Structure formats: structure tokens, C-alpha cells
Amino acid sequence: MPPEELPIHLLVVDDQLSICRLCTSLGQTMGLVCLQADSANEALEHLNEHAPELMLIDLVLGDRSGMELLAEVKKRLPHTEVALMSGYGTIPNAVQAMRLGAYDFLVKPFRVAELNLVLEHMVEKVRLGREAEARLRQEGAATNSASAELLCTDLEEMERLTMQRVFDKVEGDKEQAQKLLGISRATLYRKIKRYGIQTEHSRQDVAAGE
């Protein structure tokens, strides 16, 4: 089976059994291969065996924090998409998580629809990456101009989706979006214009019928 068609693995790390069951049940309905761990150490053992493409990590674990685990995951598996979960949802926590490479930050108790949307976006990002790699392999070399253009297009789409997701999360607030993305104000405005990102002002214009 080609690598891009291999099943996607989801590892849920939480010491609450009910949360693990909810996340894995939803993941299975999406066709994911789901694993569970109730501690950071158990999760790290899974990394060595399965190298999951997706992870959901609770912020507070018994043996170490979810932030520490996130940093270790990104060091070992930089392409693994990770979302943190916490009952202590604060902007500083979300900013720190994003800077460490988290895809999203879910505040407990979250709705099933919210979790489903985050997982769908994470799965789509993994698939885009796989397809880009497959195109490069088919062309025979990463330096091939056509393949490089396709890869660039995929990466730009990933960036656009990520930026729009961040703006949706902060309800269009540019200052908060800048903090979460960790980029300069000038870069933020340039990318907003380039990708046509929906911000607080553009939403207000639509609401006003302009």
C-alpha cells in the first residue's frame, strides 16, 4: 500500500478514562487507528512503536505536564499534529502551546462537534502532507520544478487554513491572532491580505451588508 494510503494513527493521552473513550470513539468513526495512554511516559512508549500522526494531549498529567510532552513529541516527531486539552483554558496557555507547535488548544468541557472539527482539520493537514510527498516521489526528485510548485501550493493552503482557524478561535481579533501565530504585525497584515483571511473588521462589514 502506498504511504499516502496508510491508516492514520491517533494517540489520546489523558488520565480521564471518559475523555479517552470519547476521543477514541470519535476517531474510530473517522477511520483512524486509535491508541490510548494515561500518562506521558506511556505515551512516549507509543511514540517508539507507532509514531502516531495525530495526538490529543491533556495539559495536566500525573508524571509531567502536557506542555512538556508536547515539546518532546515535536522534538521526536516534528510532523505529528498535536492538540492540547485542558479545563484551564487561558490565552497564555494557548499561546505557549501554539509556540511549541500545537495545532490547537481545546478547552474542557468541549462539544463533540468542536472536537470533530479539530480532528478533521488535523487529518486533512496530514493527508495534504502525504500527498505532497507522494507527488515529489513520483517526479523522482524534490528539485523538480513542477513538484516543488505543487508542494508550495499545498504548504500555502496549510498556512491559510491554520491562520483562518486561529482567527476563528480569537473571533477575528488581530492582536490575539498575532500572539498565537508568533509573527510580526507586518507579516500578519501581509498574510491576511494574501490569503483573504476573515478578520473582525471583514465580518463586521459582511454583517452590515457592505
Protein backbone atom coordinates (compact mmCIF):
# COMPACT_ATOMS: atom_id res chain seq x y z
CA MET A 1 0.00 0.00 0.00
CA PRO A 2 1.40 3.46 -0.92
CA PRO A 3 2.42 5.52 2.16
CA GLU A 4 -0.21 8.16 1.45
CA GLU A 5 -2.94 5.48 1.73
CA LEU A 6 -1.76 4.02 5.04
CA PRO A 7 -4.12 4.43 8.02
CA ILE A 8 -3.63 7.48 10.24
CA HIS A 9 -2.89 6.80 13.91
CA LEU A 10 -4.37 8.90 16.72
CA LEU A 11 -2.90 8.73 20.24
CA VAL A 12 -5.06 10.14 23.07
CA VAL A 13 -3.17 10.98 26.26
CA ASP A 14 -5.42 11.67 29.26
CA ASP A 15 -5.81 10.15 32.72
CA GLN A 16 -9.59 10.58 32.47
CA LEU A 17 -10.95 7.36 31.01
CA SER A 18 -14.16 9.04 29.87
CA ILE A 19 -12.21 11.58 27.77
CA CYS A 20 -10.06 8.85 26.25
CA ARG A 21 -13.14 6.86 25.31
CA LEU A 22 -14.86 9.88 23.77
CA CYS A 23 -11.83 10.85 21.70
CA THR A 24 -11.03 7.34 20.51
CA SER A 25 -14.68 6.61 19.70
CA LEU A 26 -14.88 9.72 17.55
CA GLY A 27 -11.53 8.94 15.94
CA GLN A 28 -12.67 5.43 15.04
CA THR A 29 -15.80 6.76 13.33
CA MET A 30 -13.41 8.83 11.16
CA GLY A 31 -11.45 5.72 10.20
CA LEU A 32 -8.44 6.43 12.43
CA VAL A 33 -6.43 3.79 14.25
CA CYS A 34 -6.79 4.91 17.88
CA LEU A 35 -4.47 4.34 20.85
CA GLN A 36 -4.73 5.48 24.46
CA ALA A 37 -2.26 6.40 27.20
CA ASP A 38 -2.97 7.66 30.72
CA SER A 39 0.49 9.14 31.33
CA ALA A 40 3.29 10.93 29.49
CA ASN A 41 5.67 8.01 29.95
CA GLU A 42 3.19 5.56 28.43
CA ALA A 43 2.65 7.99 25.55
CA LEU A 44 6.40 8.16 24.87
CA GLU A 45 6.50 4.35 24.66
CA HIS A 46 3.78 4.51 21.99
CA LEU A 47 5.87 7.03 20.03
CA ASN A 48 8.65 4.49 19.66
CA GLU A 49 6.27 1.77 18.45
CA HIS A 50 3.67 3.55 16.33
CA ALA A 51 4.86 7.10 15.53
CA PRO A 52 1.26 8.47 15.55
CA GLU A 53 0.44 11.20 13.07
CA LEU A 54 -2.15 12.76 15.41
CA MET A 55 -2.20 13.29 19.18
CA LEU A 56 -4.64 14.72 21.72
CA ILE A 57 -2.84 15.53 24.99
CA ASP A 58 -4.28 16.65 28.32
CA LEU A 59 -2.49 19.64 29.82
CA VAL A 60 -2.31 18.13 33.32
CA LEU A 61 -0.84 14.62 33.54
CA GLY A 62 0.34 12.75 36.62
CA ASP A 63 4.00 12.31 35.69
CA ARG A 64 4.65 15.52 33.71
CA SER A 65 2.77 18.38 32.08
CA GLY A 66 1.15 18.19 28.68
CA MET A 67 3.36 21.09 27.57
CA GLU A 68 6.49 19.06 28.37
CA LEU A 69 5.11 16.09 26.48
CA LEU A 70 4.19 18.31 23.51
CA ALA A 71 7.77 19.64 23.37
CA GLU A 72 9.18 16.10 23.46
CA VAL A 73 6.76 14.90 20.75
CA LYS A 74 7.72 17.77 18.45
CA LYS A 75 11.40 17.01 19.02
CA ARG A 76 10.97 13.33 18.09
CA LEU A 77 8.17 13.60 15.52
CA PRO A 78 8.07 17.17 14.18
CA HIS A 79 5.34 16.37 11.63
CA THR A 80 2.93 14.88 14.17
CA GLU A 81 -0.12 17.12 14.63
CA VAL A 82 -0.96 17.72 18.31
CA ALA A 83 -3.91 19.37 20.04
CA LEU A 84 -3.78 20.09 23.78
CA MET A 85 -6.86 19.70 26.01
CA SER A 86 -7.42 21.46 29.32
CA GLY A 87 -10.02 22.57 31.80
CA TYR A 88 -7.81 25.59 32.41
CA GLY A 89 -8.21 27.36 29.09
CA THR A 90 -6.31 30.62 29.19
CA ILE A 91 -4.80 32.76 26.43
CA PRO A 92 -1.25 32.33 27.90
CA ASN A 93 -1.65 28.54 27.82
CA ALA A 94 -2.94 28.64 24.25
CA VAL A 95 -0.10 30.94 23.16
CA GLN A 96 2.53 28.71 24.76
CA ALA A 97 1.00 25.60 23.16
CA MET A 98 0.99 27.20 19.69
CA ARG A 99 4.59 28.33 20.07
CA LEU A 100 5.60 24.77 20.98
CA GLY A 101 3.97 23.57 17.77
CA ALA A 102 0.44 22.58 18.84
CA TYR A 103 -2.19 22.59 16.12
CA ASP A 104 -4.95 23.66 18.51
CA PHE A 105 -5.95 24.09 22.16
CA LEU A 106 -9.29 22.61 23.26
CA VAL A 107 -10.95 23.87 26.44
CA LYS A 108 -12.80 21.24 28.50
CA PRO A 109 -15.64 20.56 28.54
CA PHE A 110 -15.68 20.77 24.75
CA ARG A 111 -18.50 19.83 22.43
CA VAL A 112 -18.25 16.72 20.27
CA ALA A 113 -18.76 18.91 17.19
CA GLU A 114 -15.77 21.07 18.20
CA LEU A 115 -13.53 18.03 18.70
CA ASN A 116 -14.74 16.56 15.42
CA LEU A 117 -13.85 19.75 13.54
CA VAL A 118 -10.35 19.91 15.04
CA LEU A 119 -9.69 16.26 14.19
CA GLU A 120 -10.98 16.75 10.64
CA HIS A 121 -8.59 19.68 10.11
CA MET A 122 -5.66 17.76 11.58
CA VAL A 123 -6.42 14.74 9.38
CA GLU A 124 -6.64 16.99 6.32
CA LYS A 125 -3.24 18.50 7.12
CA VAL A 126 -1.67 15.05 7.43
CA ARG A 127 -3.20 13.95 4.12
CA LEU A 128 -2.02 17.10 2.35
CA GLY A 129 1.50 16.42 3.58
CA ARG A 130 1.36 12.81 2.42
CA GLU A 131 0.05 13.79 -1.00
CA ALA A 132 2.78 16.39 -1.40
CA GLU A 133 5.44 13.82 -0.55
CA ALA A 134 3.86 11.33 -2.96
CA ARG A 135 3.98 13.86 -5.80
CA LEU A 136 7.64 14.51 -5.09
CA ARG A 137 8.40 10.79 -5.18
CA GLN A 138 6.53 10.35 -8.46
CA GLU A 139 8.54 13.10 -10.10
CA GLY A 140 11.72 11.44 -8.87
CA ALA A 141 13.37 14.44 -7.21
CA ALA A 142 12.46 17.20 -4.79
CA THR A 143 14.20 19.71 -7.02
CA ASN A 144 11.83 19.11 -9.92
CA SER A 145 10.22 22.50 -10.56
CA ALA A 146 6.69 21.16 -11.13
CA SER A 147 6.77 19.12 -7.93
CA ALA A 148 8.23 22.00 -5.96
CA GLU A 149 5.37 24.19 -7.18
CA LEU A 150 2.79 21.62 -6.11
CA LEU A 151 4.42 21.27 -2.70
CA CYS A 152 4.49 25.04 -2.29
CA THR A 153 0.78 25.23 -3.13
CA ASP A 154 -0.05 22.56 -0.53
CA LEU A 155 2.04 24.26 2.15
CA GLU A 156 0.41 27.62 1.41
CA GLU A 157 -3.02 26.03 1.77
CA MET A 158 -1.97 24.57 5.12
CA GLU A 159 -0.81 28.00 6.26
CA ARG A 160 -4.05 29.64 5.08
CA LEU A 161 -6.18 27.07 6.93
CA THR A 162 -4.09 27.48 10.08
CA MET A 163 -4.36 31.27 10.00
CA GLN A 164 -8.12 31.19 9.44
CA ARG A 165 -8.51 28.66 12.27
CA VAL A 166 -6.58 30.95 14.64
CA PHE A 167 -8.71 33.97 13.65
CA ASP A 168 -11.87 31.93 14.17
CA LYS A 169 -10.62 30.90 17.61
CA VAL A 170 -9.98 34.50 18.71
CA GLU A 171 -13.12 35.79 16.95
CA GLY A 172 -11.15 37.86 14.46
CA ASP A 173 -9.02 39.76 16.99
CA LYS A 174 -5.76 40.66 15.19
CA GLU A 175 -3.74 41.26 18.37
CA GLN A 176 -4.59 37.87 19.84
CA ALA A 177 -4.05 36.17 16.47
CA GLN A 178 -0.60 37.74 16.21
CA LYS A 179 0.32 36.38 19.66
CA LEU A 180 -0.90 32.87 18.84
CA LEU A 181 0.86 32.77 15.48
CA GLY A 182 4.09 34.25 16.86
CA ILE A 183 4.69 36.53 13.88
CA SER A 184 5.28 40.26 13.46
CA ARG A 185 2.41 42.70 12.90
CA ALA A 186 3.67 43.48 9.40
CA THR A 187 3.83 39.78 8.49
CA LEU A 188 0.34 39.25 9.92
CA TYR A 189 -1.20 42.00 7.78
CA ARG A 190 0.67 40.82 4.68
CA LYS A 191 -0.67 37.27 5.08
CA ILE A 192 -4.20 38.49 5.86
CA LYS A 193 -4.21 40.31 2.52
CA ARG A 194 -2.55 37.45 0.65
CA TYR A 195 -4.91 34.73 1.86
CA GLY A 196 -8.08 36.79 2.21
CA ILE A 197 -8.41 35.90 5.90
CA GLN A 198 -11.71 36.74 7.60
CA THR A 199 -10.98 39.17 10.48
CA GLU A 200 -13.18 41.08 12.91
CA HIS A 201 -13.48 44.04 10.52
CA SER A 202 -14.35 41.97 7.46
CA ARG A 203 -17.01 40.12 9.47
CA GLN A 204 -18.50 43.39 10.62
CA ASP A 205 -18.64 44.59 7.01
CA VAL A 206 -20.49 41.42 5.98
CA ALA A 207 -22.91 41.75 8.89
CA ALA A 208 -23.62 45.33 7.89
CA GLY A 209 -24.31 44.26 4.31
CA GLU A 210 -21.32 46.12 2.85
